[in-house]
Protein backbone atom coordinates (compact mmCIF):
# COMPACT_ATOMS: atom_id res chain seq x y z
CA UNK A 1 111.76 112.45 27.11
CA UNK A 2 109.34 115.14 29.04
CA UNK A 3 112.17 116.86 30.01
CA UNK A 4 113.56 116.85 26.69
CA UNK A 5 110.39 118.21 25.26
CA UNK A 6 110.10 120.99 27.49
CA UNK A 7 113.76 122.17 26.96
CA UNK A 8 112.81 122.54 23.13
CA UNK A 9 109.66 124.55 24.09
CA UNK A 10 111.74 127.06 25.92
CA UNK A 11 112.92 129.40 23.10
CA UNK A 12 108.93 130.30 22.60
CA UNK A 13 108.89 132.02 26.12
CA UNK A 14 109.51 135.35 26.18
CA UNK A 15 112.08 135.65 27.94
CA UNK A 16 111.64 139.63 28.81
CA UNK A 17 108.20 138.84 30.01
CA UNK A 18 110.11 136.51 32.32
CA UNK A 19 112.62 138.65 33.51
CA UNK A 20 109.74 141.45 34.53
CA UNK A 21 108.33 138.44 36.53
CA UNK A 22 111.31 137.55 38.09
CA UNK A 23 111.77 140.98 38.98
CA UNK A 24 108.68 141.87 40.29
CA UNK A 25 108.68 139.11 42.57
CA UNK A 26 111.61 139.92 44.08
CA UNK A 27 110.69 143.54 44.35
CA UNK A 28 107.70 141.84 46.60
CA UNK A 29 110.05 139.38 48.51
CA UNK A 30 112.09 142.49 49.37
CA UNK A 31 109.20 144.70 50.91
CA UNK A 32 107.89 141.98 52.39
CA UNK A 33 111.25 141.50 53.94
CA UNK A 34 111.80 144.90 54.89
CA UNK A 35 108.39 146.10 56.16
CA UNK A 36 109.78 143.79 59.11
CA UNK A 37 112.87 145.68 59.63
CA UNK A 38 113.23 148.33 62.54
CA UNK A 39 116.56 150.32 62.86
CA UNK A 40 117.18 151.89 66.15
CA UNK A 41 119.16 154.71 67.78
CA UNK A 42 121.79 153.06 69.88
CA UNK A 43 121.90 154.83 73.03
CA UNK A 44 118.56 155.68 73.65
CA UNK A 45 117.72 151.81 72.90
CA UNK A 46 120.32 149.75 74.01
CA UNK A 47 118.86 149.12 77.23
CA UNK A 48 115.08 149.01 76.63
CA UNK A 49 112.51 149.20 78.93
CA UNK A 50 110.93 146.14 79.84
CA UNK A 51 108.75 144.79 82.80
CA UNK A 52 110.96 143.51 85.54
CA UNK A 53 110.29 140.50 87.49
CA UNK A 54 108.30 141.48 90.60
CA UNK A 55 109.02 140.34 94.16
CA UNK A 56 106.31 138.26 94.69
CA UNK A 57 105.18 136.00 97.63
CA UNK A 58 103.17 132.68 97.27
CA UNK A 59 101.87 131.77 100.03
CA UNK A 60 101.36 128.25 101.83
CA UNK A 61 98.05 128.41 101.82
CA UNK A 62 97.33 127.79 98.27
CA UNK A 63 98.17 123.99 98.84
CA UNK A 64 96.94 123.83 102.21
CA UNK A 65 93.31 123.26 101.17
CA UNK A 66 91.01 122.22 98.14
CA UNK A 67 90.75 119.95 95.31
CA UNK A 68 93.42 118.48 93.70
CA UNK A 69 95.22 120.99 91.53
CA UNK A 70 97.96 122.29 89.60
CA UNK A 71 98.40 126.00 91.15
CA UNK A 72 100.47 128.10 88.73
CA UNK A 73 102.17 130.83 89.49
CA UNK A 74 101.89 132.58 85.74
CA UNK A 75 102.60 136.27 85.37
CA UNK A 76 102.95 136.31 81.53
CA UNK A 77 100.66 139.02 81.10
CA UNK A 78 102.54 141.35 83.70
CA UNK A 79 105.66 140.26 82.02
CA UNK A 80 104.21 140.76 78.61
CA UNK A 81 105.51 137.39 77.28
CA UNK A 82 103.54 135.36 75.00
CA UNK A 83 103.04 132.28 76.91
CA UNK A 84 103.13 131.12 80.47
CA UNK A 85 105.78 131.82 82.89
CA UNK A 86 107.09 132.67 86.32
CA UNK A 87 110.01 134.32 84.89
CA UNK A 88 111.23 134.57 81.44
CA UNK A 89 112.91 131.33 81.52
CA UNK A 90 110.83 129.64 84.40
CA UNK A 91 107.61 128.18 85.07
CA UNK A 92 106.60 127.17 88.87
CA UNK A 93 103.99 126.03 90.71
CA UNK A 94 102.38 124.03 93.66
CA UNK A 95 100.77 120.80 93.11
CA UNK A 96 97.96 119.76 95.95
CA UNK A 97 97.25 116.33 95.41
CA UNK A 98 94.69 114.80 97.92
CA UNK A 99 94.96 111.51 99.45
CA UNK A 100 94.00 108.76 96.95
CA UNK A 101 94.32 111.11 94.45
CA UNK A 102 96.22 111.03 91.03
CA UNK A 103 96.89 114.53 89.23
CA UNK A 104 98.94 115.00 85.81
CA UNK A 105 100.93 117.22 84.84
CA UNK A 106 103.12 117.50 81.26
CA UNK A 107 105.65 120.30 80.07
CA UNK A 108 107.21 120.81 76.91
CA UNK A 109 110.61 121.44 78.98
CA UNK A 110 114.18 119.97 79.12
CA UNK A 111 114.19 120.32 83.07
CA UNK A 112 111.81 119.27 85.70
CA UNK A 113 112.41 119.82 88.87
CA UNK A 114 109.82 118.28 91.98
CA UNK A 115 110.40 119.07 95.24
CA UNK A 116 107.87 117.19 97.91
CA UNK A 117 107.02 119.94 100.52
CA UNK A 118 104.46 117.67 102.28
CA UNK A 119 103.29 113.94 101.81
CA UNK A 120 104.01 110.85 100.48
CA UNK A 121 103.54 108.98 97.11
CA UNK A 122 104.37 107.69 93.91
CA UNK A 123 105.07 109.07 90.41
CA UNK A 124 104.66 107.64 87.27
CA UNK A 125 105.29 107.87 83.36
CA UNK A 126 107.85 107.34 80.75
CA UNK A 127 111.00 107.32 83.26
CA UNK A 128 109.35 104.48 85.12
CA UNK A 129 107.80 104.70 89.21
CA UNK A 130 109.57 106.47 91.54
CA UNK A 131 108.24 106.57 95.33
CA UNK A 132 108.59 110.08 97.02
CA UNK A 133 108.26 111.56 100.75
CA UNK A 134 108.48 114.92 102.38
CA UNK A 135 111.85 116.87 101.39
CA UNK A 136 112.76 114.06 98.86
CA UNK A 137 113.47 116.09 95.05
CA UNK A 138 113.76 114.88 91.48
CA UNK A 139 114.40 115.80 88.32
CA UNK A 140 113.53 114.47 85.28
CA UNK A 141 114.70 115.29 81.35
CA UNK A 142 112.55 115.73 78.15
CA UNK A 143 109.35 113.99 78.67
CA UNK A 144 107.09 113.48 75.87
CA UNK A 145 104.10 112.38 77.92
CA UNK A 146 102.03 113.27 81.41
CA UNK A 147 103.38 112.09 84.24
CA UNK A 148 101.20 110.69 86.88
CA UNK A 149 101.74 111.67 90.86
CA UNK A 150 99.70 109.86 93.60
CA UNK A 151 99.16 110.77 96.87
CA UNK A 152 99.87 107.92 99.41
CA UNK A 153 99.41 110.29 102.50
CA UNK A 154 99.98 113.68 103.63
CA UNK A 155 99.10 116.00 106.27
CA UNK A 156 96.35 118.75 105.65
CA UNK A 157 94.39 116.56 103.43
CA UNK A 158 97.08 115.33 100.72
CA UNK A 159 100.48 115.73 99.43
CA UNK A 160 102.24 119.25 98.37
CA UNK A 161 104.82 119.45 95.51
CA UNK A 162 106.73 122.76 94.41
CA UNK A 163 106.97 122.03 90.65
CA UNK A 164 109.56 124.50 88.18
CA UNK A 165 110.35 123.84 84.63
CA UNK A 166 112.07 125.47 82.11
CA UNK A 167 109.70 125.35 79.32
CA UNK A 168 108.97 129.21 78.97
CA UNK A 169 112.70 129.30 77.80
CA UNK A 170 111.67 126.87 74.93
CA UNK A 171 108.79 128.71 74.02
CA UNK A 172 111.04 131.76 73.91
CA UNK A 173 113.47 129.98 71.60
CA UNK A 174 110.63 128.00 69.80
CA UNK A 175 111.98 124.99 69.68
CA UNK A 176 110.35 121.31 71.41
CA UNK A 177 113.08 119.99 73.17
CA UNK A 178 114.17 115.99 71.87
CA UNK A 179 117.62 115.15 73.53
CA UNK A 180 117.69 113.92 76.96
CA UNK A 181 120.93 116.15 78.30
CA UNK A 182 120.62 114.20 81.58
CA UNK A 183 119.12 111.16 83.07
CA UNK A 184 116.16 111.08 86.10
CA UNK A 185 117.58 111.77 89.21
CA UNK A 186 116.71 111.69 92.67
CA UNK A 187 117.94 113.62 95.90
CA UNK A 188 116.52 111.43 99.08
CA UNK A 189 116.23 113.96 101.85
CA UNK A 190 118.01 112.00 104.23
CA UNK A 191 121.01 111.87 101.98
CA UNK A 192 120.75 115.67 101.70
CA UNK A 193 120.74 116.19 105.76
CA UNK A 194 123.20 113.93 106.51
CA UNK A 195 125.60 115.67 104.02
CA UNK A 196 125.00 119.13 105.96
CA UNK A 197 125.39 117.43 108.80
CA UNK A 198 128.93 116.60 107.92
CA UNK A 199 129.47 120.11 106.84
CA UNK A 200 128.40 121.36 110.00
CA UNK A 201 131.26 119.36 111.89
CA UNK A 202 133.98 120.14 109.21
CA UNK A 203 136.11 123.44 110.65
CA UNK A 204 136.36 126.49 108.34
CA UNK A 205 140.13 127.05 107.42
CA UNK A 206 140.52 130.19 109.45
CA UNK A 207 138.48 128.34 112.44
CA UNK A 208 135.69 130.46 112.13
CA UNK A 209 132.14 129.48 113.05
CA UNK A 210 130.13 128.53 109.51
CA UNK A 211 126.92 131.11 108.90
CA UNK A 212 125.94 129.19 105.75
CA UNK A 213 125.27 125.24 105.87
CA UNK A 214 124.19 124.38 102.37
CA UNK A 215 125.03 122.00 99.74
CA UNK A 216 124.80 122.54 96.33
CA UNK A 217 122.39 119.78 94.35
CA UNK A 218 124.64 118.36 91.82
CA UNK A 219 124.15 116.14 88.75
CA UNK A 220 126.44 113.42 87.33
CA UNK A 221 125.58 114.90 83.78
CA UNK A 222 126.80 118.25 84.67
CA UNK A 223 130.50 118.18 85.85
CA UNK A 224 131.28 121.56 84.91
CA UNK A 225 128.51 123.37 86.04
CA UNK A 226 128.09 121.49 89.32
CA UNK A 227 124.23 122.06 88.71
CA UNK A 228 120.71 120.36 89.32
CA UNK A 229 120.40 120.29 85.27
CA UNK A 230 122.23 122.11 82.60
CA UNK A 231 119.20 124.58 83.17
CA UNK A 232 118.20 124.36 86.62
CA UNK A 233 120.27 125.18 89.84
CA UNK A 234 118.93 124.29 93.35
CA UNK A 235 120.60 124.47 96.74
CA UNK A 236 119.79 123.49 100.20
CA UNK A 237 120.44 125.96 102.42
CA UNK A 238 120.20 126.63 106.14
CA UNK A 239 121.04 129.62 108.40
CA UNK A 240 121.57 128.93 111.86
CA UNK A 241 119.92 130.50 115.18
CA UNK A 242 120.65 133.97 115.46
CA UNK A 243 122.77 134.64 112.21
CA UNK A 244 122.76 136.69 109.31
CA UNK A 245 124.47 135.88 105.71
CA UNK A 246 125.62 139.10 104.18
CA UNK A 247 124.09 140.34 100.95
CA UNK A 248 125.11 138.90 97.89
CA UNK A 249 123.71 138.68 94.49
CA UNK A 250 123.59 137.02 90.77
CA UNK A 251 122.23 137.04 87.40
CA UNK A 252 119.93 134.06 87.72
CA UNK A 253 116.21 134.76 89.23
CA UNK A 254 115.65 133.21 92.56
CA UNK A 255 112.46 131.05 93.35
CA UNK A 256 112.86 130.75 96.95
CA UNK A 257 110.96 127.99 98.76
CA UNK A 258 111.39 128.29 102.78
CA UNK A 259 111.17 124.75 103.93
CA UNK A 260 111.32 125.21 107.44
CA UNK A 261 111.50 128.51 109.64
CA UNK A 262 109.94 130.04 112.92
CA UNK A 263 108.89 133.67 112.98
CA UNK A 264 111.55 136.02 112.50
CA UNK A 265 113.45 134.58 109.64
CA UNK A 266 113.23 136.90 106.34
CA UNK A 267 115.06 137.99 103.47
CA UNK A 268 115.87 141.54 102.73
CA UNK A 269 116.55 142.47 99.00
CA UNK A 270 117.15 145.60 97.16
CA UNK A 271 119.27 147.02 94.25
CA UNK A 272 121.33 148.72 95.71
CA UNK A 273 123.95 148.78 98.74
CA UNK A 274 125.58 151.63 101.23
CA UNK A 275 128.90 151.84 101.88
CA UNK A 276 128.43 149.83 105.07
CA UNK A 277 127.04 146.99 102.92
CA UNK A 278 123.32 147.33 103.96
CA UNK A 279 120.86 146.97 101.29
CA UNK A 280 119.68 150.41 100.39
CA UNK A 281 115.37 150.73 100.97
CA UNK A 282 114.96 146.85 101.39
CA UNK A 283 111.99 145.03 100.80
CA UNK A 284 111.69 142.17 103.61
CA UNK A 285 110.03 138.90 102.70
CA UNK A 286 109.40 136.48 105.69
CA UNK A 287 110.05 133.07 105.46
CA UNK A 288 106.95 131.15 105.81
CA UNK A 289 107.58 127.34 105.90
CA UNK A 290 105.82 126.08 102.39
CA UNK A 291 105.53 129.10 100.71
CA UNK A 292 107.63 130.64 97.97
CA UNK A 293 109.14 134.29 97.53
CA UNK A 294 110.71 136.00 94.25
CA UNK A 295 114.11 137.56 94.57
CA UNK A 296 114.63 139.33 91.05
CA UNK A 297 117.79 138.66 88.99
CA UNK A 298 120.79 141.35 90.01
CA UNK A 299 119.23 142.61 93.18
CA UNK A 300 121.38 142.49 96.47
CA UNK A 301 119.52 140.03 99.12
CA UNK A 302 120.40 139.15 102.40
CA UNK A 303 119.14 136.36 104.96
CA UNK A 304 118.66 136.82 108.46
CA UNK A 305 117.20 134.32 111.31
CA UNK A 306 116.42 136.06 114.39
CA UNK A 307 114.78 132.82 116.25
CA UNK A 308 116.19 130.50 118.26
CA UNK A 309 116.19 127.54 115.70
CA UNK A 310 117.76 126.82 112.36
CA UNK A 311 115.86 127.54 108.96
CA UNK A 312 116.10 126.21 105.58
CA UNK A 313 115.52 127.36 102.10
CA UNK A 314 115.40 125.55 98.92
CA UNK A 315 115.70 128.28 96.11
CA UNK A 316 114.98 126.93 92.53
CA UNK A 317 116.86 129.36 89.50
CA UNK A 318 118.04 128.94 86.06
CA UNK A 319 121.75 129.27 87.20
CA UNK A 320 122.43 126.14 85.52
CA UNK A 321 121.95 128.27 82.00
CA UNK A 322 123.87 131.15 83.44
CA UNK A 323 126.73 129.15 84.57
CA UNK A 324 127.49 127.29 81.39
CA UNK A 325 127.19 130.90 79.64
CA UNK A 326 129.84 132.41 82.31
CA UNK A 327 127.23 135.09 82.75
CA UNK A 328 126.10 133.97 86.49
CA UNK A 329 128.58 136.99 88.02
CA UNK A 330 127.79 136.34 91.63
CA UNK A 331 128.86 139.21 94.14
CA UNK A 332 129.29 139.11 97.71
CA UNK A 333 128.91 142.23 99.72
CA UNK A 334 132.26 142.30 101.38
CA UNK A 335 134.31 141.66 98.29
CA UNK A 336 132.52 144.42 96.49
CA UNK A 337 133.49 146.97 99.56
CA UNK A 338 137.14 146.16 99.15
CA UNK A 339 137.16 147.01 95.57
CA UNK A 340 135.20 150.23 96.36
CA UNK A 341 137.44 151.40 99.30
CA UNK A 342 140.18 150.75 96.85
CA UNK A 343 138.67 153.04 94.08
CA UNK A 344 138.01 150.45 91.78
CA UNK A 345 134.75 149.37 90.08
CA UNK A 346 134.34 145.96 88.19
CA UNK A 347 131.86 145.31 85.40
CA UNK A 348 132.57 141.35 86.29
CA UNK A 349 132.69 139.35 89.05
CA UNK A 350 135.20 136.78 87.94
CA UNK A 351 138.32 139.00 88.62
CA UNK A 352 137.69 137.92 92.25
CA UNK A 353 135.59 134.57 92.43
CA UNK A 354 137.09 132.81 89.57
CA UNK A 355 141.33 132.40 89.70
CA UNK A 356 140.73 131.02 86.04
CA UNK A 357 139.48 134.38 84.93
CA UNK A 358 141.90 136.60 86.92
CA UNK A 359 144.54 134.69 85.37
CA UNK A 360 143.67 136.12 81.96
CA UNK A 361 144.38 139.46 83.13
CA UNK A 362 148.21 138.23 83.83
CA UNK A 363 147.93 136.47 79.95
CA UNK A 364 146.91 139.58 78.32
CA UNK A 365 145.90 139.47 74.69
CA UNK A 366 146.98 136.08 72.81
CA UNK A 367 146.81 134.61 69.44
CA UNK A 368 145.45 131.05 69.96
CA UNK A 369 146.34 127.95 69.19
CA UNK A 370 144.91 126.34 66.33
CA UNK A 371 142.25 123.49 67.41
CA UNK A 372 144.25 120.16 66.60
CA UNK A 373 142.12 116.90 66.37
CA UNK A 374 142.82 115.03 69.37
CA UNK A 375 144.04 117.57 71.55
CA UNK A 376 142.68 119.74 74.27
CA UNK A 377 143.81 123.55 74.63
CA UNK A 378 144.32 124.75 78.42
CA UNK A 379 145.04 128.06 79.44
CA UNK A 380 146.93 128.53 83.17
CA UNK A 381 149.04 130.86 84.53
CA UNK A 382 152.38 129.52 87.10
CA UNK A 383 153.11 132.45 89.12
CA UNK A 384 156.06 130.47 90.55
CA UNK A 385 157.28 129.44 87.25
CA UNK A 386 160.87 131.09 85.75
CA UNK A 387 160.12 131.96 82.21
CA UNK A 388 164.24 132.16 81.50
CA UNK A 389 164.82 128.80 82.31
CA UNK A 390 164.05 125.27 80.83
CA UNK A 391 163.61 123.88 84.59
CA UNK A 392 160.94 126.64 85.00
CA UNK A 393 158.87 125.40 82.00
CA UNK A 394 157.77 122.01 83.67
CA UNK A 395 154.16 123.17 84.03
CA UNK A 396 154.46 126.20 81.56
CA UNK A 397 155.68 129.69 81.71
CA UNK A 398 154.23 132.81 83.19
CA UNK A 399 152.04 133.21 80.27
CA UNK A 400 151.15 129.73 79.04
CA UNK A 401 148.51 127.76 76.58
CA UNK A 402 148.98 123.98 77.47
CA UNK A 403 147.67 121.31 75.20
CA UNK A 404 146.89 118.24 76.78
CA UNK A 405 146.58 115.09 74.47
CA UNK A 406 143.35 113.10 74.23
CA UNK A 407 144.42 109.92 72.29
CA UNK A 408 147.64 108.09 71.44
CA UNK A 409 149.39 109.46 68.31
CA UNK A 410 147.07 112.33 67.59
CA UNK A 411 150.51 114.59 68.45
CA UNK A 412 154.12 113.35 68.85
CA UNK A 413 157.11 114.72 69.38
CA UNK A 414 158.24 112.91 65.56
CA UNK A 415 156.16 115.96 63.85
CA UNK A 416 158.49 118.24 61.75
CA UNK A 417 159.23 121.36 63.33
CA UNK A 418 158.33 120.52 67.05
CA UNK A 419 160.63 120.76 70.33
CA UNK A 420 160.52 116.98 71.58
CA UNK A 421 158.00 116.69 74.00
CA UNK A 422 156.68 120.54 73.86
CA UNK A 423 154.96 120.51 71.06
CA UNK A 424 156.37 123.93 70.51
CA UNK A 425 157.87 125.01 66.98
CA UNK A 426 161.55 125.51 66.79
CA UNK A 427 162.97 128.48 65.02
CA UNK A 428 164.85 127.69 62.31
CA UNK A 429 164.01 124.13 63.00
CA UNK A 430 161.31 123.07 60.15
CA UNK A 431 158.64 124.93 62.38
CA UNK A 432 158.71 128.79 62.07
CA UNK A 433 161.87 130.77 60.93
CA UNK A 434 163.33 129.39 56.99
CA UNK A 435 160.98 126.34 57.09
CA UNK A 436 157.86 128.26 58.15
CA UNK A 437 156.02 127.86 54.73
CA UNK A 438 156.76 124.06 53.87
CA UNK A 439 155.79 123.01 57.09
CA UNK A 440 152.38 124.40 57.20
CA UNK A 441 151.26 122.68 54.11
CA UNK A 442 152.61 119.78 56.51
CA UNK A 443 150.94 120.98 59.04
CA UNK A 444 147.36 121.49 57.19
CA UNK A 445 147.85 117.98 55.47
CA UNK A 446 148.20 116.25 59.11
CA UNK A 447 145.64 118.07 61.15
CA UNK A 448 143.62 120.16 58.85
CA UNK A 449 144.80 123.64 60.21
CA UNK A 450 147.44 125.76 59.88
CA UNK A 451 150.43 125.95 62.17
CA UNK A 452 149.83 128.31 65.27
CA UNK A 453 151.32 131.55 65.53
CA UNK A 454 153.97 132.26 68.05
CA UNK A 455 152.63 133.16 70.98
CA UNK A 456 155.24 135.44 73.29
CA UNK A 457 156.04 134.27 76.50
CA UNK A 458 153.88 130.76 75.87
CA UNK A 459 155.18 127.77 76.60
CA UNK A 460 153.40 124.67 75.36
CA UNK A 461 153.33 121.33 77.11
CA UNK A 462 151.89 117.72 75.86
CA UNK A 463 150.29 115.76 78.86
CA UNK A 464 148.73 112.35 78.62
CA UNK A 465 144.76 111.78 78.82
CA UNK A 466 145.10 111.04 82.49
CA UNK A 467 147.34 114.55 82.95
CA UNK A 468 150.71 113.59 83.54
CA UNK A 469 153.43 114.88 82.10
CA UNK A 470 155.85 113.20 79.35
CA UNK A 471 159.12 113.46 81.29
CA UNK A 472 160.39 115.50 84.27
CA UNK A 473 161.58 118.72 82.42
CA UNK A 474 159.73 119.82 79.52
CA UNK A 475 161.44 122.01 77.18
CA UNK A 476 160.75 125.33 76.01
CA UNK A 477 161.36 128.12 73.12
CA UNK A 478 160.56 131.55 73.47
CA UNK A 479 160.47 133.74 70.22
CA UNK A 480 160.69 137.49 69.43
CA UNK A 481 159.91 138.82 65.62
CA UNK A 482 162.35 141.15 65.46
CA UNK A 483 161.79 144.35 62.61
CA UNK A 484 162.81 142.11 59.73
CA UNK A 485 160.41 139.60 60.61
CA UNK A 486 162.54 136.82 61.59
CA UNK A 487 162.09 134.53 64.53
CA UNK A 488 164.93 134.17 67.39
CA UNK A 489 164.83 132.14 70.78
CA UNK A 490 164.72 135.03 73.59
CA UNK A 491 164.53 134.43 77.38
CA UNK A 492 162.28 137.35 77.89
CA UNK A 493 160.12 138.23 74.96
CA UNK A 494 159.62 141.45 73.55
CA UNK A 495 157.47 141.20 70.46
CA UNK A 496 155.93 143.66 68.81
CA UNK A 497 154.81 143.88 65.27
CA UNK A 498 155.45 146.88 63.37
CA UNK A 499 153.17 146.35 60.45
CA UNK A 500 150.52 143.56 59.87
CA UNK A 501 151.88 140.08 59.23
CA UNK A 502 151.00 138.13 56.66
CA UNK A 503 148.25 136.04 58.40
CA UNK A 504 146.70 139.40 59.12
CA UNK A 505 147.49 139.71 62.46
CA UNK A 506 147.67 143.44 63.88
CA UNK A 507 150.34 144.79 66.61
CA UNK A 508 150.44 142.78 69.42
CA UNK A 509 151.44 143.69 73.06
CA UNK A 510 154.31 143.40 74.90
CA UNK A 511 153.97 140.75 77.71
């Protein structure tokens, strides 16, 4: 009844006044919103001046004496960042815990890593209890409460732990993590050293001696990136006595912990390299066991061991995130020199270090196959496959998008317009050509998307979830669009659109 009374009273409202109020409120809102906008000239603002990440050293003397405490490496004031941080994405600290003491830590982070520099003890919290000793490393996911670290024994009066987490990244995004992306994971020192020893006795393919004996610390929850967590990355790296690891660089920042080293072990770093692959005007950071130094992102750096004993370093990076984003861009100096001598400069390291990305240059531009429920799209290049013979299409043609079946019944040979066993539309056979329009509706009703536009030079192959093929030979079809707009089967595609087609795709280059 109340709603009816309101409706009956509405004719008495001054509509002109109401309109004026609405317009006034809209104007005030627009003024507020527009007052917050800035517009810049692109050329002068595309690369804004920001405080660079500095080369800093955090010596072991910080954790070798004094009371139980957290010793943060915070430089947020210098970086002009609103929350505590060591780098824009990471926060690093030493933990000093005197024997018999307990220290609580807390971080609003997706990932926390703890490496035991010295001592032994127990860490407890919502994830359970874990014992640790020198050289162990453990990582934990989202943690709501405090973690309590108790020192049982340790030299110099107690234990020391290197603690790194990604709360600065969360602060910048403005979110609180609530989903576990991995489970608590422990890396025992004995296991790491055993793996390194095994690698040491595994010969290089070319018979040369290894100058880098390191193990990446992966997590079963991160099989693609092969990283410590989905954000953090770490490596236990050793340099043999009297050896040099040539310069390399990457877009992630490195917070390097010197685990073990004698005098004469150091890192050189700088922004440029010369024609011989040496770093120009390098900054030197000596490895002091138990100390940390910062390698800025994008800087070339080389490691030198002029002592008579193997040296060890444990870098912590935000490279899990960069690897996922395909922006890590790790480069090695000798690759860059070879390119330079060939008169080439590259913007991405993928052309050399990642075969998948080099394959993209061979494939060229392609219209993607639409996503189909229960299917997985895979792109590959088989350089030894022949385009003009069915026998050569077993693994796809020279330019190929493959479809892998993820579950039975999701995509079968019986679908109209598809070549049995290949999943590729047959010209004039109910796929493309005369039956194109009719089967668009069939496809859409079955799979929720329009049929894939023809891929010139592309062969498609259905595979079982385990990767096995359906039969010994996969048939294929190569399609060409002639000036009249019809499709035909050809041994070598030369398709080129004269005008935009009815689906909006513009001219396609020859493959």
